[in-house]
Amino acid sequence: MKFAKGTDKTGFCSITHLSGPAAGAQFCHIIAHSTTNDDLKMSKLEYALGMKYMELNLNSHYNILMLEPSFHYTFDHAHWALIPLDSAFLKRMIEAEFTIDSPLEKLYEGYEEHTWSYLFLPFPPMSDRYIVQCNPEGVESGPSKANPVVPPYYYPQHLPVIKSHIRPHFVIYDLVKKMTHNKHDPPRLRELMDEWEEYEQLTIFTCLDLYDKWTNVELPSDFKGPVPINNNTANVADGVARSETERSERRPGLRAKSLLKSATSLKKTDSGKSKTASQKPKRGASSTQ
């Protein structure tokens, strides 16, 4: 995996600032990789951002944050999220109309190595824990000098601003999805929002508008073609499909479902036939030409 300049590659947790073996930091996808199982959801997001079908890469380092295991788990289970704080860029994003000729990527020109600012947003499940951050300067000098200098965080207090290479559009999608689709008690979430600063609430409303714009877009009937292909792969006659192997790299869940459906169909077909031992298909035999 290729990292942008300034991206930590040594196991540095972006929340606790703990590094080295003690951190055990893991790669955490901001937009969950399982989202690729939902082709319609992915297609809408791609179209809304001016991308081609299957062009959105959730394995990009811009969608991956380093977190120690407990924070990786709580992030994946919607216990917390991040709020983007670069308001000027968010304003440009909401004013833009992305197309194939003017995709989201153009908005990021000049920001390839930019460090973005985020606010740690805890949801009610975080109310029973506290967080201790290590001295970032000490972490850079080595884990043995990483002494805690930030007072323990207790819900719903704010941690210091988090600096990261991850890009805002991934964070926005994850943030609003967690706020609108998770199982948290809505009254408690409203209570929590009442405690936020005005600028935080305004940022949330901007993120809500962007999410609504991206997820409720109407897909044209011909959006699924042509798809991006490798130079080594020839176009199919209709310009829509590439090899199933390549498709699995972007939509692995769909590939798995397709195989399962085919296997189930074959099983039902085979169960209605009478076979002798000599007629049984050999292991690994293909049913397609």
C-alpha atoms as a PDB file:
ATOM      1  CA  MET A   1       0.000   0.000   0.000  1.00  0.00           C
ATOM      2  CA  LYS A   2       1.307   3.435  -0.942  1.00  0.00           C
ATOM      3  CA  PHE A   3       1.184   6.088   1.758  1.00  0.00           C
ATOM      4  CA  ALA A   4       1.064   9.853   1.392  1.00  0.00           C
ATOM      5  CA  LYS A   5       3.894  11.910   2.829  1.00  0.00           C
ATOM      6  CA  GLY A   6       3.447  12.302   6.559  1.00  0.00           C
ATOM      7  CA  THR A   7       1.347   9.164   6.926  1.00  0.00           C
ATOM      8  CA  ASP A   8       2.521   7.071   9.850  1.00  0.00           C
ATOM      9  CA  LYS A   9       3.628   3.557   8.920  1.00  0.00           C
ATOM     10  CA  THR A  10       5.069   2.421  12.261  1.00  0.00           C
ATOM     11  CA  GLY A  11       1.948   1.573  14.269  1.00  0.00           C
ATOM     12  CA  PHE A  12       1.085   5.048  15.548  1.00  0.00           C
ATOM     13  CA  CYS A  13      -2.505   5.218  16.848  1.00  0.00           C
ATOM     14  CA  SER A  14      -4.161   8.413  15.630  1.00  0.00           C
ATOM     15  CA  ILE A  15      -6.265   8.735  18.801  1.00  0.00           C
ATOM     16  CA  THR A  16      -4.005   7.769  21.706  1.00  0.00           C
ATOM     17  CA  HIS A  17      -0.694   8.653  19.967  1.00  0.00           C
ATOM     18  CA  LEU A  18       0.685   5.406  21.338  1.00  0.00           C
ATOM     19  CA  SER A  19       3.152   3.681  19.043  1.00  0.00           C
ATOM     20  CA  GLY A  20       5.288   0.579  18.877  1.00  0.00           C
ATOM     21  CA  PRO A  21       4.348  -2.962  19.969  1.00  0.00           C
ATOM     22  CA  ALA A  22       2.275  -1.649  22.878  1.00  0.00           C
ATOM     23  CA  ALA A  23      -0.106   0.086  20.489  1.00  0.00           C
ATOM     24  CA  GLY A  24      -0.620  -2.852  18.138  1.00  0.00           C
ATOM     25  CA  ALA A  25      -2.135  -0.342  15.707  1.00  0.00           C
ATOM     26  CA  GLN A  26      -4.243  -1.723  12.867  1.00  0.00           C
ATOM     27  CA  PHE A  27      -5.472  -0.466   9.504  1.00  0.00           C
ATOM     28  CA  CYS A  28      -9.039   0.822   9.929  1.00  0.00           C
ATOM     29  CA  HIS A  29     -11.237   1.672   6.922  1.00  0.00           C
ATOM     30  CA  ILE A  30     -13.214   4.900   7.406  1.00  0.00           C
ATOM     31  CA  ILE A  31     -15.908   3.801   4.956  1.00  0.00           C
ATOM     32  CA  ALA A  32     -16.112   0.118   5.817  1.00  0.00           C
ATOM     33  CA  HIS A  33     -14.790  -2.224   3.152  1.00  0.00           C
ATOM     34  CA  SER A  34     -17.995  -4.248   3.526  1.00  0.00           C
ATOM     35  CA  THR A  35     -19.786  -1.337   1.834  1.00  0.00           C
ATOM     36  CA  THR A  36     -18.537  -2.801  -1.467  1.00  0.00           C
ATOM     37  CA  ASN A  37     -21.163  -5.524  -0.969  1.00  0.00           C
ATOM     38  CA  ASP A  38     -23.842  -2.952  -1.793  1.00  0.00           C
ATOM     39  CA  ASP A  39     -23.377  -2.161  -5.466  1.00  0.00           C
ATOM     40  CA  LEU A  40     -26.222   0.390  -5.601  1.00  0.00           C
ATOM     41  CA  LYS A  41     -24.880   2.333  -2.637  1.00  0.00           C
ATOM     42  CA  MET A  42     -21.373   2.375  -4.072  1.00  0.00           C
ATOM     43  CA  SER A  43     -22.618   3.320  -7.534  1.00  0.00           C
ATOM     44  CA  LYS A  44     -24.589   6.282  -6.202  1.00  0.00           C
ATOM     45  CA  LEU A  45     -21.585   7.565  -4.316  1.00  0.00           C
ATOM     46  CA  GLU A  46     -19.325   7.137  -7.334  1.00  0.00           C
ATOM     47  CA  TYR A  47     -21.761   8.922  -9.624  1.00  0.00           C
ATOM     48  CA  ALA A  48     -22.327  11.760  -7.148  1.00  0.00           C
ATOM     49  CA  LEU A  49     -18.561  12.302  -6.837  1.00  0.00           C
ATOM     50  CA  GLY A  50     -18.017  12.346 -10.590  1.00  0.00           C
ATOM     51  CA  MET A  51     -16.341   8.952 -10.704  1.00  0.00           C
ATOM     52  CA  LYS A  52     -16.729   6.078 -13.131  1.00  0.00           C
ATOM     53  CA  TYR A  53     -18.417   2.844 -12.169  1.00  0.00           C
ATOM     54  CA  MET A  54     -16.259   0.840  -9.725  1.00  0.00           C
ATOM     55  CA  GLU A  55     -13.671   3.635  -9.530  1.00  0.00           C
ATOM     56  CA  LEU A  56     -14.082   4.377  -5.813  1.00  0.00           C
ATOM     57  CA  ASN A  57     -11.259   2.560  -4.045  1.00  0.00           C
ATOM     58  CA  LEU A  58     -11.952   1.928  -0.361  1.00  0.00           C
ATOM     59  CA  ASN A  59      -8.461   0.467   0.048  1.00  0.00           C
ATOM     60  CA  SER A  60      -6.924   3.864  -0.681  1.00  0.00           C
ATOM     61  CA  HIS A  61      -4.681   5.144   2.114  1.00  0.00           C
ATOM     62  CA  TYR A  62      -6.934   8.243   2.149  1.00  0.00           C
ATOM     63  CA  ASN A  63      -9.648   5.979   3.593  1.00  0.00           C
ATOM     64  CA  ILE A  64      -7.437   4.215   6.140  1.00  0.00           C
ATOM     65  CA  LEU A  65      -6.567   5.322   9.645  1.00  0.00           C
ATOM     66  CA  MET A  66      -4.146   3.665  12.067  1.00  0.00           C
ATOM     67  CA  LEU A  67      -5.877   2.724  15.338  1.00  0.00           C
ATOM     68  CA  GLU A  68      -5.071   0.499  18.259  1.00  0.00           C
ATOM     69  CA  PRO A  69      -7.418  -2.532  18.479  1.00  0.00           C
ATOM     70  CA  SER A  70      -9.919  -1.160  21.000  1.00  0.00           C
ATOM     71  CA  PHE A  71     -10.448   2.016  18.985  1.00  0.00           C
ATOM     72  CA  HIS A  72     -10.635   0.041  15.758  1.00  0.00           C
ATOM     73  CA  TYR A  73     -13.400  -2.077  17.276  1.00  0.00           C
ATOM     74  CA  THR A  74     -15.357   0.868  18.709  1.00  0.00           C
ATOM     75  CA  PHE A  75     -15.035   2.797  15.426  1.00  0.00           C
ATOM     76  CA  ASP A  76     -16.354  -0.130  13.384  1.00  0.00           C
ATOM     77  CA  HIS A  77     -19.255  -0.532  15.831  1.00  0.00           C
ATOM     78  CA  ALA A  78     -20.288   3.144  15.548  1.00  0.00           C
ATOM     79  CA  HIS A  79     -19.249   4.171  19.055  1.00  0.00           C
ATOM     80  CA  TRP A  80     -17.507   7.257  17.688  1.00  0.00           C
ATOM     81  CA  ALA A  81     -16.779   9.164  14.519  1.00  0.00           C
ATOM     82  CA  LEU A  82     -14.776  12.142  13.287  1.00  0.00           C
ATOM     83  CA  ILE A  83     -16.017  15.618  12.342  1.00  0.00           C
ATOM     84  CA  PRO A  84     -14.086  17.422   9.567  1.00  0.00           C
ATOM     85  CA  LEU A  85     -13.025  20.913  10.622  1.00  0.00           C
ATOM     86  CA  ASP A  86     -11.667  22.370   7.359  1.00  0.00           C
ATOM     87  CA  SER A  87     -14.739  24.568   6.817  1.00  0.00           C
ATOM     88  CA  ALA A  88     -13.384  26.391   3.746  1.00  0.00           C
ATOM     89  CA  PHE A  89     -12.869  23.094   1.928  1.00  0.00           C
ATOM     90  CA  LEU A  90     -16.303  21.816   3.008  1.00  0.00           C
ATOM     91  CA  LYS A  91     -17.820  24.990   1.555  1.00  0.00           C
ATOM     92  CA  ARG A  92     -16.095  24.324  -1.772  1.00  0.00           C
ATOM     93  CA  MET A  93     -17.289  20.736  -1.647  1.00  0.00           C
ATOM     94  CA  ILE A  94     -20.950  21.578  -1.094  1.00  0.00           C
ATOM     95  CA  GLU A  95     -20.898  24.249  -3.815  1.00  0.00           C
ATOM     96  CA  ALA A  96     -19.334  21.905  -6.373  1.00  0.00           C
ATOM     97  CA  GLU A  97     -21.248  19.864  -8.929  1.00  0.00           C
ATOM     98  CA  PHE A  98     -19.106  16.833  -9.678  1.00  0.00           C
ATOM     99  CA  THR A  99     -19.145  15.250 -13.131  1.00  0.00           C
ATOM    100  CA  ILE A 100     -16.927  12.876 -15.101  1.00  0.00           C
ATOM    101  CA  ASP A 101     -15.170  15.932 -16.543  1.00  0.00           C
ATOM    102  CA  SER A 102     -14.939  17.635 -13.165  1.00  0.00           C
ATOM    103  CA  PRO A 103     -14.743  14.886 -10.502  1.00  0.00           C
ATOM    104  CA  LEU A 104     -14.113  15.229  -6.790  1.00  0.00           C
ATOM    105  CA  GLU A 105     -10.441  14.417  -7.403  1.00  0.00           C
ATOM    106  CA  LYS A 106      -9.993  17.809  -9.076  1.00  0.00           C
ATOM    107  CA  LEU A 107     -11.077  19.497  -5.864  1.00  0.00           C
ATOM    108  CA  TYR A 108      -8.169  17.782  -4.131  1.00  0.00           C
ATOM    109  CA  GLU A 109      -5.558  19.066  -6.582  1.00  0.00           C
ATOM    110  CA  GLY A 110      -2.859  20.707  -4.518  1.00  0.00           C
ATOM    111  CA  TYR A 111      -4.017  18.841  -1.389  1.00  0.00           C
ATOM    112  CA  GLU A 112      -2.200  15.562  -2.086  1.00  0.00           C
ATOM    113  CA  GLU A 113      -0.017  15.924   1.019  1.00  0.00           C
ATOM    114  CA  HIS A 114      -2.393  18.067   3.050  1.00  0.00           C
ATOM    115  CA  THR A 115      -2.950  17.308   6.741  1.00  0.00           C
ATOM    116  CA  TRP A 116      -6.629  17.593   7.632  1.00  0.00           C
ATOM    117  CA  SER A 117      -8.152  18.532  10.980  1.00  0.00           C
ATOM    118  CA  TYR A 118     -10.808  16.429  12.697  1.00  0.00           C
ATOM    119  CA  LEU A 119     -12.722  16.440  15.940  1.00  0.00           C
ATOM    120  CA  PHE A 120     -13.289  13.220  17.864  1.00  0.00           C
ATOM    121  CA  LEU A 121     -17.049  12.717  18.242  1.00  0.00           C
ATOM    122  CA  PRO A 122     -18.106  10.172  20.880  1.00  0.00           C
ATOM    123  CA  PHE A 123     -21.546   8.578  20.798  1.00  0.00           C
ATOM    124  CA  PRO A 124     -23.379   7.395  23.940  1.00  0.00           C
ATOM    125  CA  PRO A 125     -21.692   3.937  24.017  1.00  0.00           C
ATOM    126  CA  MET A 126     -18.434   5.765  24.853  1.00  0.00           C
ATOM    127  CA  SER A 127     -19.928   7.155  28.073  1.00  0.00           C
ATOM    128  CA  ASP A 128     -18.421   4.421  30.236  1.00  0.00           C
ATOM    129  CA  ARG A 129     -14.776   4.863  29.236  1.00  0.00           C
ATOM    130  CA  TYR A 130     -11.994   7.410  29.323  1.00  0.00           C
ATOM    131  CA  ILE A 131      -9.058   8.059  27.003  1.00  0.00           C
ATOM    132  CA  VAL A 132      -5.476   8.986  27.815  1.00  0.00           C
ATOM    133  CA  GLN A 133      -3.361  10.481  25.056  1.00  0.00           C
ATOM    134  CA  CYS A 134       0.405  10.284  24.897  1.00  0.00           C
ATOM    135  CA  ASN A 135       2.674  13.193  24.148  1.00  0.00           C
ATOM    136  CA  PRO A 136       2.953  13.298  20.323  1.00  0.00           C
ATOM    137  CA  GLU A 137       6.474  14.742  20.556  1.00  0.00           C
ATOM    138  CA  GLY A 138       7.463  11.934  22.884  1.00  0.00           C
ATOM    139  CA  VAL A 139       6.013   9.362  20.504  1.00  0.00           C
ATOM    140  CA  GLU A 140       8.218  10.676  17.723  1.00  0.00           C
ATOM    141  CA  SER A 141      11.231  10.184  19.993  1.00  0.00           C
ATOM    142  CA  GLY A 142      10.273   6.628  20.826  1.00  0.00           C
ATOM    143  CA  PRO A 143       7.594   4.788  22.814  1.00  0.00           C
ATOM    144  CA  SER A 144       9.642   4.871  26.011  1.00  0.00           C
ATOM    145  CA  LYS A 145       9.364   8.679  26.067  1.00  0.00           C
ATOM    146  CA  ALA A 146       5.667   8.772  25.196  1.00  0.00           C
ATOM    147  CA  ASN A 147       4.455  10.044  28.554  1.00  0.00           C
ATOM    148  CA  PRO A 148       0.763  10.910  28.945  1.00  0.00           C
ATOM    149  CA  VAL A 149       0.449  14.701  29.046  1.00  0.00           C
ATOM    150  CA  VAL A 150      -3.186  15.210  28.055  1.00  0.00           C
ATOM    151  CA  PRO A 151      -5.631  14.883  31.004  1.00  0.00           C
ATOM    152  CA  PRO A 152      -7.854  11.811  30.687  1.00  0.00           C
ATOM    153  CA  TYR A 153     -10.828  12.369  28.429  1.00  0.00           C
ATOM    154  CA  TYR A 154     -14.239  11.650  29.912  1.00  0.00           C
ATOM    155  CA  TYR A 155     -17.419  11.532  27.828  1.00  0.00           C
ATOM    156  CA  PRO A 156     -18.574  13.875  26.355  1.00  0.00           C
ATOM    157  CA  GLN A 157     -15.462  16.068  26.583  1.00  0.00           C
ATOM    158  CA  HIS A 158     -13.477  16.772  23.441  1.00  0.00           C
ATOM    159  CA  LEU A 159     -10.035  15.480  22.688  1.00  0.00           C
ATOM    160  CA  PRO A 160      -7.547  17.869  21.080  1.00  0.00           C
ATOM    161  CA  VAL A 161      -7.932  18.279  17.317  1.00  0.00           C
ATOM    162  CA  ILE A 162      -6.805  15.179  15.418  1.00  0.00           C
ATOM    163  CA  LYS A 163      -4.511  15.730  12.445  1.00  0.00           C
ATOM    164  CA  SER A 164      -4.597  13.133   9.685  1.00  0.00           C
ATOM    165  CA  HIS A 165      -4.060  12.419   5.990  1.00  0.00           C
ATOM    166  CA  ILE A 166      -7.517  10.792   5.583  1.00  0.00           C
ATOM    167  CA  ARG A 167      -9.762  12.768   3.249  1.00  0.00           C
ATOM    168  CA  PRO A 168     -12.960  14.560   4.333  1.00  0.00           C
ATOM    169  CA  HIS A 169     -15.407  12.878   1.923  1.00  0.00           C
ATOM    170  CA  PHE A 170     -14.711   9.465   3.482  1.00  0.00           C
ATOM    171  CA  VAL A 171     -15.139  10.923   6.974  1.00  0.00           C
ATOM    172  CA  ILE A 172     -18.374  12.741   6.058  1.00  0.00           C
ATOM    173  CA  TYR A 173     -19.971   9.590   4.675  1.00  0.00           C
ATOM    174  CA  ASP A 174     -19.043   7.569   7.774  1.00  0.00           C
ATOM    175  CA  LEU A 175     -20.109  10.297  10.206  1.00  0.00           C
ATOM    176  CA  VAL A 176     -23.606  10.805   8.826  1.00  0.00           C
ATOM    177  CA  LYS A 177     -24.198   7.113   8.257  1.00  0.00           C
ATOM    178  CA  LYS A 178     -23.456   6.474  11.924  1.00  0.00           C
ATOM    179  CA  MET A 179     -25.649   9.361  13.071  1.00  0.00           C
ATOM    180  CA  THR A 180     -28.637   8.417  10.937  1.00  0.00           C
ATOM    181  CA  HIS A 181     -28.496   4.633  10.701  1.00  0.00           C
ATOM    182  CA  ASN A 182     -27.017   3.352  13.938  1.00  0.00           C
ATOM    183  CA  LYS A 183     -28.853   1.962  16.934  1.00  0.00           C
ATOM    184  CA  HIS A 184     -28.075   4.794  19.321  1.00  0.00           C
ATOM    185  CA  ASP A 185     -30.932   6.289  21.275  1.00  0.00           C
ATOM    186  CA  PRO A 186     -32.066   9.378  19.233  1.00  0.00           C
ATOM    187  CA  PRO A 187     -32.972  11.464  22.317  1.00  0.00           C
ATOM    188  CA  ARG A 188     -29.465  10.920  23.716  1.00  0.00           C
ATOM    189  CA  LEU A 189     -27.946  11.956  20.392  1.00  0.00           C
ATOM    190  CA  ARG A 190     -30.038  15.134  20.387  1.00  0.00           C
ATOM    191  CA  GLU A 191     -28.918  15.772  23.948  1.00  0.00           C
ATOM    192  CA  LEU A 192     -25.328  15.352  22.860  1.00  0.00           C
ATOM    193  CA  MET A 193     -25.771  17.756  19.938  1.00  0.00           C
ATOM    194  CA  ASP A 194     -27.161  20.387  22.303  1.00  0.00           C
ATOM    195  CA  GLU A 195     -23.826  20.316  24.132  1.00  0.00           C
ATOM    196  CA  TRP A 196     -21.770  20.951  20.983  1.00  0.00           C
ATOM    197  CA  GLU A 197     -20.378  24.308  20.004  1.00  0.00           C
ATOM    198  CA  GLU A 198     -22.240  26.236  17.302  1.00  0.00           C
ATOM    199  CA  TYR A 199     -19.495  25.683  14.723  1.00  0.00           C
ATOM    200  CA  GLU A 200     -19.698  21.929  15.337  1.00  0.00           C
ATOM    201  CA  GLN A 201     -23.449  21.918  14.768  1.00  0.00           C
ATOM    202  CA  LEU A 202     -23.045  23.952  11.560  1.00  0.00           C
ATOM    203  CA  THR A 203     -20.415  21.488  10.335  1.00  0.00           C
ATOM    204  CA  ILE A 204     -22.733  18.577  11.076  1.00  0.00           C
ATOM    205  CA  PHE A 205     -25.522  20.225   9.057  1.00  0.00           C
ATOM    206  CA  THR A 206     -23.114  20.709   6.142  1.00  0.00           C
ATOM    207  CA  CYS A 207     -22.138  17.036   6.360  1.00  0.00           C
ATOM    208  CA  LEU A 208     -25.816  16.025   6.472  1.00  0.00           C
ATOM    209  CA  ASP A 209     -26.475  18.036   3.306  1.00  0.00           C
ATOM    210  CA  LEU A 210     -23.535  16.441   1.501  1.00  0.00           C
ATOM    211  CA  TYR A 211     -24.519  12.928   2.544  1.00  0.00           C
ATOM    212  CA  ASP A 212     -28.086  13.514   1.401  1.00  0.00           C
ATOM    213  CA  LYS A 213     -26.820  14.847  -1.928  1.00  0.00           C
ATOM    214  CA  TRP A 214     -24.521  11.852  -2.442  1.00  0.00           C
ATOM    215  CA  THR A 215     -26.899   9.080  -1.388  1.00  0.00           C
ATOM    216  CA  ASN A 216     -30.138  10.302  -2.961  1.00  0.00           C
ATOM    217  CA  VAL A 217     -28.718  10.974  -6.409  1.00  0.00           C
ATOM    218  CA  GLU A 218     -30.637   9.427  -9.309  1.00  0.00           C
ATOM    219  CA  LEU A 219     -28.470   7.077 -11.325  1.00  0.00           C
ATOM    220  CA  PRO A 220     -28.747   7.218 -15.116  1.00  0.00           C
ATOM    221  CA  SER A 221     -29.564   3.854 -16.690  1.00  0.00           C
ATOM    222  CA  ASP A 222     -26.211   3.695 -18.503  1.00  0.00           C
ATOM    223  CA  PHE A 223     -23.995   4.550 -15.527  1.00  0.00           C
ATOM    224  CA  LYS A 224     -22.535   1.055 -15.220  1.00  0.00           C
ATOM    225  CA  GLY A 225     -20.609   1.336 -18.454  1.00  0.00           C
ATOM    226  CA  PRO A 226     -17.916   1.757 -19.397  1.00  0.00           C
ATOM    227  CA  VAL A 227     -16.027   0.731 -16.260  1.00  0.00           C
ATOM    228  CA  PRO A 228     -12.345   1.470 -15.616  1.00  0.00           C
ATOM    229  CA  ILE A 229     -10.155  -1.350 -16.936  1.00  0.00           C
ATOM    230  CA  ASN A 230      -6.499  -2.268 -16.813  1.00  0.00           C
ATOM    231  CA  ASN A 231      -4.351  -1.814 -19.904  1.00  0.00           C
ATOM    232  CA  ASN A 232      -3.943  -5.581 -20.055  1.00  0.00           C
ATOM    233  CA  THR A 233      -7.684  -6.192 -20.231  1.00  0.00           C
ATOM    234  CA  ALA A 234      -9.704  -5.832 -23.419  1.00  0.00           C
ATOM    235  CA  ASN A 235     -13.102  -4.166 -23.461  1.00  0.00           C
ATOM    236  CA  VAL A 236     -16.097  -6.412 -23.692  1.00  0.00           C
ATOM    237  CA  ALA A 237     -18.338  -5.753 -26.696  1.00  0.00           C
ATOM    238  CA  ASP A 238     -20.942  -3.808 -24.709  1.00  0.00           C
ATOM    239  CA  GLY A 239     -18.312  -1.713 -22.938  1.00  0.00           C
ATOM    240  CA  VAL A 240     -19.824  -2.566 -19.573  1.00  0.00           C
ATOM    241  CA  ALA A 241     -18.062  -5.533 -18.052  1.00  0.00           C
ATOM    242  CA  ARG A 242     -14.513  -6.545 -17.306  1.00  0.00           C
ATOM    243  CA  SER A 243     -13.246  -9.946 -16.174  1.00  0.00           C
ATOM    244  CA  GLU A 244     -14.899 -11.408 -13.088  1.00  0.00           C
ATOM    245  CA  THR A 245     -11.468 -11.569 -11.451  1.00  0.00           C
ATOM    246  CA  GLU A 246     -11.042  -7.823 -11.756  1.00  0.00           C
ATOM    247  CA  ARG A 247     -14.592  -7.166 -10.614  1.00  0.00           C
ATOM    248  CA  SER A 248     -13.919  -9.087  -7.425  1.00  0.00           C
ATOM    249  CA  GLU A 249     -11.198  -6.616  -6.474  1.00  0.00           C
ATOM    250  CA  ARG A 250     -13.721  -3.791  -6.191  1.00  0.00           C
ATOM    251  CA  ARG A 251     -16.960  -5.585  -5.391  1.00  0.00           C
ATOM    252  CA  PRO A 252     -15.778  -8.704  -3.547  1.00  0.00           C
ATOM    253  CA  GLY A 253     -19.083  -9.109  -1.755  1.00  0.00           C
ATOM    254  CA  LEU A 254     -21.015  -9.155  -5.000  1.00  0.00           C
ATOM    255  CA  ARG A 255     -18.665 -11.755  -6.447  1.00  0.00           C
ATOM    256  CA  ALA A 256     -19.113 -13.932  -3.368  1.00  0.00           C
ATOM    257  CA  LYS A 257     -22.911 -13.591  -3.528  1.00  0.00           C
ATOM    258  CA  SER A 258     -22.888 -14.443  -7.221  1.00  0.00           C
ATOM    259  CA  LEU A 259     -20.853 -17.587  -6.601  1.00  0.00           C
ATOM    260  CA  LEU A 260     -23.108 -18.593  -3.708  1.00  0.00           C
ATOM    261  CA  LYS A 261     -26.211 -18.083  -5.825  1.00  0.00           C
ATOM    262  CA  SER A 262     -24.732 -20.149  -8.663  1.00  0.00           C
ATOM    263  CA  ALA A 263     -23.690 -22.894  -6.264  1.00  0.00           C
ATOM    264  CA  THR A 264     -27.174 -22.983  -4.711  1.00  0.00           C
ATOM    265  CA  SER A 265     -28.799 -23.101  -8.133  1.00  0.00           C
ATOM    266  CA  LEU A 266     -26.568 -25.984  -9.238  1.00  0.00           C
ATOM    267  CA  LYS A 267     -27.245 -27.859  -6.028  1.00  0.00           C
ATOM    268  CA  LYS A 268     -31.007 -27.597  -6.542  1.00  0.00           C
ATOM    269  CA  THR A 269     -30.673 -28.715 -10.159  1.00  0.00           C
ATOM    270  CA  ASP A 270     -28.450 -31.643  -9.243  1.00  0.00           C
ATOM    271  CA  SER A 271     -30.733 -32.754  -6.404  1.00  0.00           C
ATOM    272  CA  GLY A 272     -33.540 -33.411  -8.906  1.00  0.00           C
ATOM    273  CA  LYS A 273     -31.421 -35.755 -10.993  1.00  0.00           C
ATOM    274  CA  SER A 274     -30.656 -39.398 -10.426  1.00  0.00           C
ATOM    275  CA  LYS A 275     -26.930 -40.056 -10.561  1.00  0.00           C
ATOM    276  CA  THR A 276     -24.947 -43.202 -10.200  1.00  0.00           C
ATOM    277  CA  ALA A 277     -21.512 -43.094  -8.611  1.00  0.00           C
ATOM    278  CA  SER A 278     -19.930 -43.058 -12.061  1.00  0.00           C
ATOM    279  CA  GLN A 279     -22.082 -40.073 -13.111  1.00  0.00           C
ATOM    280  CA  LYS A 280     -21.095 -37.824 -10.222  1.00  0.00           C
ATOM    281  CA  PRO A 281     -19.160 -34.726 -11.361  1.00  0.00           C
ATOM    282  CA  LYS A 282     -15.486 -34.654 -10.527  1.00  0.00           C
ATOM    283  CA  ARG A 283     -14.277 -32.184  -7.903  1.00  0.00           C
ATOM    284  CA  GLY A 284     -13.319 -28.905  -9.511  1.00  0.00           C
ATOM    285  CA  ALA A 285     -15.281 -29.541 -12.685  1.00  0.00           C
ATOM    286  CA  SER A 286     -16.814 -26.360 -14.110  1.00  0.00           C
ATOM    287  CA  SER A 287     -20.452 -26.055 -15.120  1.00  0.00           C
ATOM    288  CA  THR A 288     -19.681 -23.233 -17.568  1.00  0.00           C
ATOM    289  CA  GLN A 289     -17.804 -23.210 -20.813  1.00  0.00           C
END
